């Protein structure tokens, strides 16, 4: 029912391709049942759907009022009656959504137009959509087509996507409560994904500069935001005549910074889509403007060396016109920088590892070359896993299917950064094909190879880097290899039916979910023995899974204190697998207990990721079903 009435849109830094610690993940919900139109066309059905018309009179550029074409009926409590028109109130809608959300999630609050978790790592926005591109943004379309960026087919897709309306009005407006801000989030995501590597790196450096330098000054903290950084990059791409190549990376970063400084001096930041919309209005003026201008001016006086202030990078430069030589100061280990850059700029945005070398300006760097090789193999490995599951559904004859399977498995094993992950992929595949004997052989081989359970679960990097682990000096590729076996990625197309429910909430077919290996090994071993009617052995592996989870429970409290949200997701999955196992054997009371533990972990994390949101919704459905079974019994 949710999928039919609500469309889920991923936005925020992570949706754009970033994977920094401070990267946020925003979720925008919109419904096709509410149609927003510039005018009422003849013959439209206003009975089955809610139709709202835009009104721009006496509103600032980028804002509209939305009024209903007829009596809102039971939704009247969300509307305000002004001048014999029923206007949808952004304030009433947000507070209604807040009250409903607090029934399930505590410590949730309003943050601008969004519902925000305690640590503000995930924002949920209720939006409205219009399939019509805004007339106010027609000039932007002409500029992009004239400039040739992005390519024409992407511009057409942007126009086809239309615009969104988020529930927030213009500050100081007389009718702020009934105004809605136009959002071009869909278009912005397409623009970011169409950037070349140098453009993307400049955008990343600006975001890091904002978090690591500007936001550290108490007097100007909160005045600037990452959206201003993104806007400056868009305008730089549109207007710069200098090529966007790695050797000009620092030049473009400096140009974007000076552009921001000039905007602060003039008090006018033009929106990329609607330049008449001054995004500084009501925020950066008076004393705040003077303080920000003074601080940015002092940074500008330091010259190009300001980039060395970014804590996570701390680059050293050979020349002010050159690119970073990737020498790292003593404040941060080289390995951490390489890991951050490779995972962010290759995996994070789906960009090829071949262009990573050029983007980093380190063609001769052995370390970066080794990292790129690791990433290439990982990409091939994941692709082979998808192909393996895809070919199993084809209607080929047995001989053809067998030959395809052998070929894919051969490449899968050769491309594996570590045999653990490939064996886990194959075990899941053979289990799905009901070839339980081969599944058991693979999984027991995995357990035999790593007798120490901590090999699977201890993340081998400390907070700074992974130069040493227990006194052992690790190379960068070895550290990445160990990292890869600590988290097994699965997708909706490559998982088994018993845990498919965890992927059903997302509308993105290939969005990966990370599963800890050792709990997954015991869970699939349990399922194999259960299918083979060896209940005694099945219960042994279920007990092993329970012992593992109890042993890890002590670390859970530490992770919660450190806000290690990605690790908390893995802890929750382990308990969820245990609950599903008890559900399979009919032990519904224990299943209910363990699923509630899983939900408790997710709630303590305030549902800060899409993975947590899917797990939480899946567990709610399971818990409701189990409670119904227990009531009948």
Foldseek 3Di string as FASTA:
>chain_A
DCVQFKDKDWFWDLLLQADDPLTAIEIEIEGPLEEEECDDDPPDDCPRGWYWHWACPQAAPQKTWTWTPDDPPPCQQQWDQDPNTTTGFLVSVVVVVVVVPCVQFPQWDDDALWIAHNVRRYTYFYKYFYQAADPLLVVLLVLCVVQCPPPPVLSVVLRRRHWIWTRFADPPGPPGRRMTGIHSRVSLSSRSLSDDLLLVVLLVLVQLCCVQPVCVDPLQHPLDDSVLSSQLSVVCSSPPPDDRFQLQSLVSSLSSLVVVLVCLVVQARAGSRRRSDGPSPPRRDDPSSVVVNVVSVVLVVVPSCSSCSRQQQNFDDPDSSGHTPQDHDPSADSLSSLVSLLCRSPVRSVHQLVCSCRNNVCVPDPQSVLSSLLVVLVVLLVVLLLVLLVLVPDPDDPVVSVVVNVVSLVSNCVSQLDNLLSLLSVLQSCVQVVVLVSNVVSLVVNCVVPVDVVLQAPQQADPRGRQDGPNRGDRSSVSVSSNDSNWHWDFLSRGHPLPNQLHVVDPDRGDIDTEGPPLVSLLSQLVSCVVVVVNVSSVVSLVVLVVVLVVCVVCLVVCLVVLVVSVLLNSLVSLQSSLSSCVVVPVLVVSLVSLVVSLVSLSSSVVRDPSSVSSNVSSVVVNVVSVVVVVVD
